[in-house]
PDB file of N, CA and C in Angstrom:
ATOM      1  N   MET A   1       4.934 -15.880  -6.386  1.00  0.00           N
ATOM      2  CA  MET A   1       3.254 -15.574  -6.919  1.00  0.00           C
ATOM      3  C   MET A   1       3.779 -14.444  -8.211  1.00  0.00           C
ATOM      4  N   VAL A   2       3.035 -14.583  -9.175  1.00  0.00           N
ATOM      5  CA  VAL A   2       3.089 -14.038 -10.328  1.00  0.00           C
ATOM      6  C   VAL A   2       1.988 -12.918 -10.258  1.00  0.00           C
ATOM      7  N   THR A   3       2.437 -11.405 -10.022  1.00  0.00           N
ATOM      8  CA  THR A   3       1.750 -10.581 -10.291  1.00  0.00           C
ATOM      9  C   THR A   3       1.775 -10.157 -11.779  1.00  0.00           C
ATOM     10  N   VAL A   4       0.850  -8.990 -12.027  1.00  0.00           N
ATOM     11  CA  VAL A   4       0.820  -8.584 -13.078  1.00  0.00           C
ATOM     12  C   VAL A   4       0.715  -6.854 -13.002  1.00  0.00           C
ATOM     13  N   LYS A   5       2.044  -6.715 -14.085  1.00  0.00           N
ATOM     14  CA  LYS A   5       2.283  -4.505 -13.741  1.00  0.00           C
ATOM     15  C   LYS A   5       1.518  -4.532 -14.973  1.00  0.00           C
ATOM     16  N   VAL A   6       0.610  -3.524 -14.576  1.00  0.00           N
ATOM     17  CA  VAL A   6      -0.015  -2.338 -15.465  1.00  0.00           C
ATOM     18  C   VAL A   6       0.979  -1.134 -15.915  1.00  0.00           C
ATOM     19  N   GLU A   7       1.383  -0.752 -17.042  1.00  0.00           N
ATOM     20  CA  GLU A   7       2.134   0.562 -16.877  1.00  0.00           C
ATOM     21  C   GLU A   7       1.304   1.576 -17.239  1.00  0.00           C
ATOM     22  N   GLY A   8       2.047   2.794 -16.492  1.00  0.00           N
ATOM     23  CA  GLY A   8       1.120   3.961 -16.461  1.00  0.00           C
ATOM     24  C   GLY A   8       2.353   5.161 -16.306  1.00  0.00           C
ATOM     25  N   GLU A   9       1.996   6.357 -16.677  1.00  0.00           N
ATOM     26  CA  GLU A   9       2.573   7.286 -16.821  1.00  0.00           C
ATOM     27  C   GLU A   9       3.038   7.937 -15.165  1.00  0.00           C
ATOM     28  N   LYS A  10       2.095   7.931 -14.555  1.00  0.00           N
ATOM     29  CA  LYS A  10       1.907   8.212 -12.949  1.00  0.00           C
ATOM     30  C   LYS A  10       2.864   7.173 -11.961  1.00  0.00           C
ATOM     31  N   LYS A  11       4.167   7.501 -11.618  1.00  0.00           N
ATOM     32  CA  LYS A  11       4.727   6.443 -11.028  1.00  0.00           C
ATOM     33  C   LYS A  11       5.442   6.783  -9.696  1.00  0.00           C
ATOM     34  N   ASP A  12       4.800   7.844  -9.176  1.00  0.00           N
ATOM     35  CA  ASP A  12       5.272   8.583  -7.917  1.00  0.00           C
ATOM     36  C   ASP A  12       5.089   7.570  -6.646  1.00  0.00           C
ATOM     37  N   HIS A  13       3.933   6.620  -6.906  1.00  0.00           N
ATOM     38  CA  HIS A  13       3.553   5.736  -5.721  1.00  0.00           C
ATOM     39  C   HIS A  13       3.626   4.355  -6.334  1.00  0.00           C
ATOM     40  N   LYS A  14       3.800   3.283  -5.179  1.00  0.00           N
ATOM     41  CA  LYS A  14       3.687   2.313  -5.236  1.00  0.00           C
ATOM     42  C   LYS A  14       2.518   1.631  -5.311  1.00  0.00           C
ATOM     43  N   VAL A  15       1.415   1.088  -6.091  1.00  0.00           N
ATOM     44  CA  VAL A  15       0.199   0.802  -5.984  1.00  0.00           C
ATOM     45  C   VAL A  15       0.074  -0.853  -5.871  1.00  0.00           C
ATOM     46  N   PHE A  16      -0.345  -1.523  -5.068  1.00  0.00           N
ATOM     47  CA  PHE A  16      -0.502  -2.862  -5.498  1.00  0.00           C
ATOM     48  C   PHE A  16      -2.196  -3.298  -4.570  1.00  0.00           C
ATOM     49  N   LEU A  17      -2.475  -4.202  -5.572  1.00  0.00           N
ATOM     50  CA  LEU A  17      -3.831  -4.739  -5.547  1.00  0.00           C
ATOM     51  C   LEU A  17      -4.069  -6.235  -5.356  1.00  0.00           C
ATOM     52  N   TYR A  18      -4.711  -6.554  -4.261  1.00  0.00           N
ATOM     53  CA  TYR A  18      -5.102  -8.078  -4.077  1.00  0.00           C
ATOM     54  C   TYR A  18      -6.430  -8.029  -4.755  1.00  0.00           C
ATOM     55  N   THR A  19      -7.204  -8.690  -5.852  1.00  0.00           N
ATOM     56  CA  THR A  19      -7.997  -8.799  -6.304  1.00  0.00           C
ATOM     57  C   THR A  19      -8.517 -10.300  -6.879  1.00  0.00           C
ATOM     58  N   LEU A  20      -9.952 -10.304  -7.290  1.00  0.00           N
ATOM     59  CA  LEU A  20     -10.253 -11.279  -7.620  1.00  0.00           C
ATOM     60  C   LEU A  20     -10.742 -11.083  -9.123  1.00  0.00           C
ATOM     61  N   SER A  21     -10.783 -12.121 -10.288  1.00  0.00           N
ATOM     62  CA  SER A  21     -10.703 -12.133 -11.353  1.00  0.00           C
ATOM     63  C   SER A  21     -12.268 -11.628 -11.768  1.00  0.00           C
ATOM     64  N   THR A  22     -13.063 -12.266 -11.007  1.00  0.00           N
ATOM     65  CA  THR A  22     -14.028 -12.262 -11.334  1.00  0.00           C
ATOM     66  C   THR A  22     -15.381 -10.795 -10.661  1.00  0.00           C
ATOM     67  N   CYS A  23     -14.564 -10.561  -9.962  1.00  0.00           N
ATOM     68  CA  CYS A  23     -15.040  -9.324  -8.911  1.00  0.00           C
ATOM     69  C   CYS A  23     -15.470  -8.064  -9.584  1.00  0.00           C
ATOM     70  N   GLY A  24     -16.530  -7.583  -9.456  1.00  0.00           N
ATOM     71  CA  GLY A  24     -16.842  -6.182 -10.472  1.00  0.00           C
ATOM     72  C   GLY A  24     -16.048  -5.208  -9.794  1.00  0.00           C
ATOM     73  N   TRP A  25     -16.131  -5.159  -8.461  1.00  0.00           N
ATOM     74  CA  TRP A  25     -15.329  -4.009  -7.730  1.00  0.00           C
ATOM     75  C   TRP A  25     -13.963  -3.923  -8.032  1.00  0.00           C
ATOM     76  N   CYS A  26     -13.460  -5.076  -8.257  1.00  0.00           N
ATOM     77  CA  CYS A  26     -11.859  -5.312  -8.578  1.00  0.00           C
ATOM     78  C   CYS A  26     -11.728  -4.429 -10.090  1.00  0.00           C
ATOM     79  N   LYS A  27     -13.034  -4.984 -10.860  1.00  0.00           N
ATOM     80  CA  LYS A  27     -12.412  -4.595 -12.068  1.00  0.00           C
ATOM     81  C   LYS A  27     -12.666  -3.020 -12.186  1.00  0.00           C
ATOM     82  N   LYS A  28     -13.643  -2.529 -11.650  1.00  0.00           N
ATOM     83  CA  LYS A  28     -13.662  -0.899 -11.488  1.00  0.00           C
ATOM     84  C   LYS A  28     -12.314  -0.386 -10.905  1.00  0.00           C
ATOM     85  N   THR A  29     -11.823  -0.865  -9.875  1.00  0.00           N
ATOM     86  CA  THR A  29     -10.693  -0.242  -9.250  1.00  0.00           C
ATOM     87  C   THR A  29      -9.472  -0.174 -10.223  1.00  0.00           C
ATOM     88  N   LYS A  30      -9.235  -1.498 -10.703  1.00  0.00           N
ATOM     89  CA  LYS A  30      -8.468  -1.345 -12.039  1.00  0.00           C
ATOM     90  C   LYS A  30      -8.597  -0.541 -13.130  1.00  0.00           C
ATOM     91  N   GLN A  31      -9.948  -0.441 -13.396  1.00  0.00           N
ATOM     92  CA  GLN A  31      -9.985   0.713 -14.857  1.00  0.00           C
ATOM     93  C   GLN A  31      -9.742   2.259 -14.402  1.00  0.00           C
ATOM     94  N   PHE A  32     -10.256   2.329 -12.966  1.00  0.00           N
ATOM     95  CA  PHE A  32      -9.653   3.570 -12.230  1.00  0.00           C
ATOM     96  C   PHE A  32      -8.534   3.837 -12.367  1.00  0.00           C
ATOM     97  N   LEU A  33      -7.750   3.185 -11.956  1.00  0.00           N
ATOM     98  CA  LEU A  33      -6.283   3.182 -12.097  1.00  0.00           C
ATOM     99  C   LEU A  33      -5.926   3.667 -13.398  1.00  0.00           C
ATOM    100  N   LYS A  34      -6.196   2.573 -14.074  1.00  0.00           N
ATOM    101  CA  LYS A  34      -6.003   2.741 -15.756  1.00  0.00           C
ATOM    102  C   LYS A  34      -6.422   4.188 -16.155  1.00  0.00           C
ATOM    103  N   ASP A  35      -7.467   4.698 -16.077  1.00  0.00           N
ATOM    104  CA  ASP A  35      -7.913   5.730 -16.770  1.00  0.00           C
ATOM    105  C   ASP A  35      -7.129   7.106 -16.196  1.00  0.00           C
ATOM    106  N   ASN A  36      -6.698   6.764 -14.840  1.00  0.00           N
ATOM    107  CA  ASN A  36      -6.088   7.709 -14.246  1.00  0.00           C
ATOM    108  C   ASN A  36      -4.424   7.830 -14.137  1.00  0.00           C
ATOM    109  N   ASP A  37      -3.858   6.968 -15.636  1.00  0.00           N
ATOM    110  CA  ASP A  37      -2.786   6.475 -16.109  1.00  0.00           C
ATOM    111  C   ASP A  37      -1.757   6.289 -14.931  1.00  0.00           C
ATOM    112  N   ILE A  38      -1.925   5.681 -13.492  1.00  0.00           N
ATOM    113  CA  ILE A  38      -1.605   5.437 -12.677  1.00  0.00           C
ATOM    114  C   ILE A  38      -0.951   3.652 -12.877  1.00  0.00           C
ATOM    115  N   GLU A  39       0.542   3.607 -12.552  1.00  0.00           N
ATOM    116  CA  GLU A  39       1.121   2.358 -12.760  1.00  0.00           C
ATOM    117  C   GLU A  39       0.886   1.704 -11.613  1.00  0.00           C
ATOM    118  N   TYR A  40       0.565   0.559 -11.723  1.00  0.00           N
ATOM    119  CA  TYR A  40       0.038  -0.660 -10.590  1.00  0.00           C
ATOM    120  C   TYR A  40       0.583  -2.102 -11.038  1.00  0.00           C
ATOM    121  N   GLU A  41       0.369  -2.567  -9.798  1.00  0.00           N
ATOM    122  CA  GLU A  41       0.417  -4.157 -10.034  1.00  0.00           C
ATOM    123  C   GLU A  41      -0.630  -4.754  -9.170  1.00  0.00           C
ATOM    124  N   TYR A  42      -0.994  -6.254  -9.591  1.00  0.00           N
ATOM    125  CA  TYR A  42      -2.169  -6.895  -9.159  1.00  0.00           C
ATOM    126  C   TYR A  42      -1.841  -8.178  -9.275  1.00  0.00           C
ATOM    127  N   LEU A  43      -2.717  -9.011  -8.153  1.00  0.00           N
ATOM    128  CA  LEU A  43      -2.826 -10.168  -7.773  1.00  0.00           C
ATOM    129  C   LEU A  43      -3.992 -10.771  -8.045  1.00  0.00           C
ATOM    130  N   ASP A  44      -4.578 -11.501  -8.981  1.00  0.00           N
ATOM    131  CA  ASP A  44      -5.807 -12.190  -9.019  1.00  0.00           C
ATOM    132  C   ASP A  44      -5.753 -13.525  -7.892  1.00  0.00           C
ATOM    133  N   ILE A  45      -6.183 -12.921  -6.554  1.00  0.00           N
ATOM    134  CA  ILE A  45      -6.125 -14.345  -5.575  1.00  0.00           C
ATOM    135  C   ILE A  45      -6.562 -15.666  -6.241  1.00  0.00           C
ATOM    136  N   ASP A  46      -7.704 -15.663  -7.012  1.00  0.00           N
ATOM    137  CA  ASP A  46      -8.656 -16.702  -7.661  1.00  0.00           C
ATOM    138  C   ASP A  46      -7.727 -17.471  -8.398  1.00  0.00           C
ATOM    139  N   ASN A  47      -6.838 -16.762  -9.077  1.00  0.00           N
ATOM    140  CA  ASN A  47      -5.950 -17.385 -10.095  1.00  0.00           C
ATOM    141  C   ASN A  47      -4.542 -18.150  -9.650  1.00  0.00           C
ATOM    142  N   CYS A  48      -4.330 -18.136  -8.297  1.00  0.00           N
ATOM    143  CA  CYS A  48      -3.048 -18.443  -7.849  1.00  0.00           C
ATOM    144  C   CYS A  48      -3.221 -20.090  -7.295  1.00  0.00           C
ATOM    145  N   THR A  49      -2.099 -20.519  -7.236  1.00  0.00           N
ATOM    146  CA  THR A  49      -2.188 -22.178  -6.334  1.00  0.00           C
ATOM    147  C   THR A  49      -2.659 -21.835  -5.012  1.00  0.00           C
ATOM    148  N   PRO A  50      -2.722 -23.077  -4.852  1.00  0.00           N
ATOM    149  CA  PRO A  50      -3.540 -23.035  -2.861  1.00  0.00           C
ATOM    150  C   PRO A  50      -2.214 -22.303  -2.342  1.00  0.00           C
ATOM    151  N   GLU A  51      -1.211 -22.683  -2.677  1.00  0.00           N
ATOM    152  CA  GLU A  51      -0.097 -22.354  -1.615  1.00  0.00           C
ATOM    153  C   GLU A  51       0.089 -20.540  -1.721  1.00  0.00           C
ATOM    154  N   GLU A  52       0.383 -20.485  -3.260  1.00  0.00           N
ATOM    155  CA  GLU A  52      -0.006 -19.074  -3.101  1.00  0.00           C
ATOM    156  C   GLU A  52      -1.156 -18.135  -2.430  1.00  0.00           C
ATOM    157  N   ARG A  53      -2.221 -18.626  -2.450  1.00  0.00           N
ATOM    158  CA  ARG A  53      -3.241 -17.910  -2.404  1.00  0.00           C
ATOM    159  C   ARG A  53      -3.166 -17.974  -0.618  1.00  0.00           C
ATOM    160  N   ALA A  54      -2.623 -18.948   0.092  1.00  0.00           N
ATOM    161  CA  ALA A  54      -2.266 -19.194   1.486  1.00  0.00           C
ATOM    162  C   ALA A  54      -1.389 -17.883   1.997  1.00  0.00           C
ATOM    163  N   ASP A  55      -0.437 -17.620   1.219  1.00  0.00           N
ATOM    164  CA  ASP A  55       0.562 -16.987   1.405  1.00  0.00           C
ATOM    165  C   ASP A  55      -0.076 -15.351   1.217  1.00  0.00           C
ATOM    166  N   ALA A  56      -0.887 -14.852  -0.012  1.00  0.00           N
ATOM    167  CA  ALA A  56      -1.590 -14.084  -0.052  1.00  0.00           C
ATOM    168  C   ALA A  56      -2.414 -13.538   1.072  1.00  0.00           C
ATOM    169  N   ILE A  57      -3.464 -14.493   1.625  1.00  0.00           N
ATOM    170  CA  ILE A  57      -4.209 -14.350   2.931  1.00  0.00           C
ATOM    171  C   ILE A  57      -3.620 -14.137   3.935  1.00  0.00           C
ATOM    172  N   LYS A  58      -2.037 -14.541   4.297  1.00  0.00           N
ATOM    173  CA  LYS A  58      -1.320 -14.339   5.101  1.00  0.00           C
ATOM    174  C   LYS A  58      -0.512 -12.874   5.470  1.00  0.00           C
ATOM    175  N   ASP A  59      -0.452 -12.535   4.066  1.00  0.00           N
ATOM    176  CA  ASP A  59       0.236 -11.084   4.035  1.00  0.00           C
ATOM    177  C   ASP A  59      -1.039 -10.294   4.413  1.00  0.00           C
ATOM    178  N   ILE A  60      -2.381 -10.126   3.851  1.00  0.00           N
ATOM    179  CA  ILE A  60      -3.447  -9.592   4.022  1.00  0.00           C
ATOM    180  C   ILE A  60      -3.606  -9.394   5.604  1.00  0.00           C
ATOM    181  N   LYS A  61      -3.691 -10.335   6.359  1.00  0.00           N
ATOM    182  CA  LYS A  61      -3.668 -10.634   7.753  1.00  0.00           C
ATOM    183  C   LYS A  61      -2.544  -9.925   8.365  1.00  0.00           C
ATOM    184  N   ALA A  62      -1.618 -10.197   8.063  1.00  0.00           N
ATOM    185  CA  ALA A  62      -0.374  -9.463   8.599  1.00  0.00           C
ATOM    186  C   ALA A  62      -0.187  -8.189   9.166  1.00  0.00           C
ATOM    187  N   ARG A  63      -1.079  -7.327   7.752  1.00  0.00           N
ATOM    188  CA  ARG A  63      -1.439  -6.151   7.654  1.00  0.00           C
ATOM    189  C   ARG A  63      -2.660  -5.385   8.325  1.00  0.00           C
ATOM    190  N   ARG A  64      -2.901  -6.592   9.157  1.00  0.00           N
ATOM    191  CA  ARG A  64      -4.348  -6.264   9.925  1.00  0.00           C
ATOM    192  C   ARG A  64      -5.395  -5.496   8.979  1.00  0.00           C
ATOM    193  N   ALA A  65      -5.664  -6.364   7.615  1.00  0.00           N
ATOM    194  CA  ALA A  65      -6.703  -5.559   6.860  1.00  0.00           C
ATOM    195  C   ALA A  65      -7.867  -6.778   6.845  1.00  0.00           C
ATOM    196  N   PRO A  66      -8.970  -6.407   6.383  1.00  0.00           N
ATOM    197  CA  PRO A  66      -9.955  -7.112   6.261  1.00  0.00           C
ATOM    198  C   PRO A  66      -9.548  -8.088   4.963  1.00  0.00           C
ATOM    199  N   VAL A  67     -10.044  -9.381   4.934  1.00  0.00           N
ATOM    200  CA  VAL A  67      -9.880 -10.137   3.615  1.00  0.00           C
ATOM    201  C   VAL A  67     -10.937  -9.936   2.904  1.00  0.00           C
ATOM    202  N   GLY A  68     -10.839  -8.821   2.097  1.00  0.00           N
ATOM    203  CA  GLY A  68     -12.136  -8.493   1.345  1.00  0.00           C
ATOM    204  C   GLY A  68     -11.532  -8.068   0.051  1.00  0.00           C
ATOM    205  N   PHE A  69     -12.138  -8.056  -1.113  1.00  0.00           N
ATOM    206  CA  PHE A  69     -11.299  -7.496  -2.232  1.00  0.00           C
ATOM    207  C   PHE A  69     -12.344  -6.480  -3.214  1.00  0.00           C
ATOM    208  N   PRO A  70     -11.571  -5.479  -3.906  1.00  0.00           N
ATOM    209  CA  PRO A  70     -10.167  -5.378  -3.852  1.00  0.00           C
ATOM    210  C   PRO A  70      -9.452  -4.522  -2.632  1.00  0.00           C
ATOM    211  N   LEU A  71      -8.534  -5.140  -2.470  1.00  0.00           N
ATOM    212  CA  LEU A  71      -7.495  -4.471  -1.494  1.00  0.00           C
ATOM    213  C   LEU A  71      -6.286  -3.808  -1.772  1.00  0.00           C
ATOM    214  N   GLY A  72      -6.258  -2.450  -1.913  1.00  0.00           N
ATOM    215  CA  GLY A  72      -5.188  -1.611  -2.388  1.00  0.00           C
ATOM    216  C   GLY A  72      -3.989  -1.374  -1.042  1.00  0.00           C
ATOM    217  N   ILE A  73      -2.808  -1.596  -1.702  1.00  0.00           N
ATOM    218  CA  ILE A  73      -1.824  -1.342  -0.768  1.00  0.00           C
ATOM    219  C   ILE A  73      -0.916  -0.155  -1.433  1.00  0.00           C
ATOM    220  N   ILE A  74      -0.464   1.012  -0.703  1.00  0.00           N
ATOM    221  CA  ILE A  74      -0.189   1.885  -1.256  1.00  0.00           C
ATOM    222  C   ILE A  74       1.175   2.232  -0.771  1.00  0.00           C
ATOM    223  N   ASP A  75       2.322   2.330  -1.365  1.00  0.00           N
ATOM    224  CA  ASP A  75       3.690   2.470  -0.783  1.00  0.00           C
ATOM    225  C   ASP A  75       4.090   1.477   0.387  1.00  0.00           C
ATOM    226  N   GLY A  76       3.335   0.392   0.331  1.00  0.00           N
ATOM    227  CA  GLY A  76       3.460  -0.544   1.260  1.00  0.00           C
ATOM    228  C   GLY A  76       2.839  -0.422   2.719  1.00  0.00           C
ATOM    229  N   GLU A  77       1.900   0.883   2.535  1.00  0.00           N
ATOM    230  CA  GLU A  77       1.490   1.314   3.585  1.00  0.00           C
ATOM    231  C   GLU A  77       0.227   1.447   4.039  1.00  0.00           C
ATOM    232  N   THR A  78      -0.245   2.015   3.093  1.00  0.00           N
ATOM    233  CA  THR A  78      -1.740   2.436   3.205  1.00  0.00           C
ATOM    234  C   THR A  78      -2.578   1.694   2.709  1.00  0.00           C
ATOM    235  N   LEU A  79      -3.644   1.307   3.221  1.00  0.00           N
ATOM    236  CA  LEU A  79      -4.803   0.396   2.748  1.00  0.00           C
ATOM    237  C   LEU A  79      -5.831   0.735   2.280  1.00  0.00           C
ATOM    238  N   ILE A  80      -6.417   0.492   1.255  1.00  0.00           N
ATOM    239  CA  ILE A  80      -7.704   0.887   0.844  1.00  0.00           C
ATOM    240  C   ILE A  80      -8.775  -0.563   0.531  1.00  0.00           C
ATOM    241  N   SER A  81      -9.654  -0.483   1.569  1.00  0.00           N
ATOM    242  CA  SER A  81     -10.610  -1.918   1.224  1.00  0.00           C
ATOM    243  C   SER A  81     -11.603  -1.432   0.675  1.00  0.00           C
ATOM    244  N   GLY A  82     -12.150  -2.438  -0.919  1.00  0.00           N
ATOM    245  CA  GLY A  82     -13.088  -2.112  -1.544  1.00  0.00           C
ATOM    246  C   GLY A  82     -12.953  -0.721  -2.350  1.00  0.00           C
ATOM    247  N   TYR A  83     -13.853  -0.625  -3.167  1.00  0.00           N
ATOM    248  CA  TYR A  83     -13.795   0.416  -4.658  1.00  0.00           C
ATOM    249  C   TYR A  83     -13.986   1.779  -3.651  1.00  0.00           C
ATOM    250  N   LYS A  84     -13.173   2.605  -3.842  1.00  0.00           N
ATOM    251  CA  LYS A  84     -12.887   3.958  -3.288  1.00  0.00           C
ATOM    252  C   LYS A  84     -12.197   4.829  -3.895  1.00  0.00           C
ATOM    253  N   PRO A  85     -12.732   5.292  -4.932  1.00  0.00           N
ATOM    254  CA  PRO A  85     -11.789   6.152  -5.857  1.00  0.00           C
ATOM    255  C   PRO A  85     -11.524   7.313  -5.103  1.00  0.00           C
ATOM    256  N   ASP A  86     -12.324   8.076  -4.322  1.00  0.00           N
ATOM    257  CA  ASP A  86     -12.092   9.054  -3.482  1.00  0.00           C
ATOM    258  C   ASP A  86     -10.672   8.803  -2.781  1.00  0.00           C
ATOM    259  N   GLU A  87     -10.753   7.895  -2.242  1.00  0.00           N
ATOM    260  CA  GLU A  87      -9.463   7.718  -1.195  1.00  0.00           C
ATOM    261  C   GLU A  87      -8.291   7.610  -1.941  1.00  0.00           C
ATOM    262  N   TYR A  88      -8.324   6.937  -3.150  1.00  0.00           N
ATOM    263  CA  TYR A  88      -7.008   6.810  -3.999  1.00  0.00           C
ATOM    264  C   TYR A  88      -6.925   8.304  -4.465  1.00  0.00           C
ATOM    265  N   LYS A  89      -7.819   8.999  -4.766  1.00  0.00           N
ATOM    266  CA  LYS A  89      -7.593  10.209  -5.216  1.00  0.00           C
ATOM    267  C   LYS A  89      -6.676  10.916  -4.156  1.00  0.00           C
ATOM    268  N   GLU A  90      -7.073  10.816  -3.116  1.00  0.00           N
ATOM    269  CA  GLU A  90      -6.657  11.874  -1.867  1.00  0.00           C
ATOM    270  C   GLU A  90      -5.246  10.934  -1.569  1.00  0.00           C
ATOM    271  N   ARG A  91      -5.032   9.773  -1.684  1.00  0.00           N
ATOM    272  CA  ARG A  91      -3.867   8.880  -1.500  1.00  0.00           C
ATOM    273  C   ARG A  91      -2.702   9.175  -2.423  1.00  0.00           C
ATOM    274  N   LEU A  92      -3.490   9.637  -3.934  1.00  0.00           N
ATOM    275  CA  LEU A  92      -2.238   9.465  -4.991  1.00  0.00           C
ATOM    276  C   LEU A  92      -1.703  11.168  -5.737  1.00  0.00           C
ATOM    277  N   GLY A  93      -2.771  11.728  -4.793  1.00  0.00           N
ATOM    278  CA  GLY A  93      -2.524  13.198  -5.166  1.00  0.00           C
ATOM    279  C   GLY A  93      -3.160  13.409  -6.412  1.00  0.00           C
ATOM    280  N   LEU A  94      -4.223  13.053  -6.684  1.00  0.00           N
ATOM    281  CA  LEU A  94      -5.112  12.899  -8.098  1.00  0.00           C
ATOM    282  C   LEU A  94      -6.131  14.391  -8.264  1.00  0.00           C
TER     283      LEU A  94
END
């Protein structure tokens, strides 16, 4: 899977997003992280091969997360489903 890394000054936490390239809430989440100078990586599920998409969905289900987008994973543990800037602020100490 090819993920996209967005550079940021704040690197205290590892932030990863599963997103869709056409999703407005996904775009808002990416912009929120960028506006707050948070470094993160993301994977646009709809731009993956069928095999990569299946692997991503398998990972999401293994985490017992809803298959919905955006899905944020902070430090490999904390899950944030949907556009929830207040939860990101709390979890990232903003």
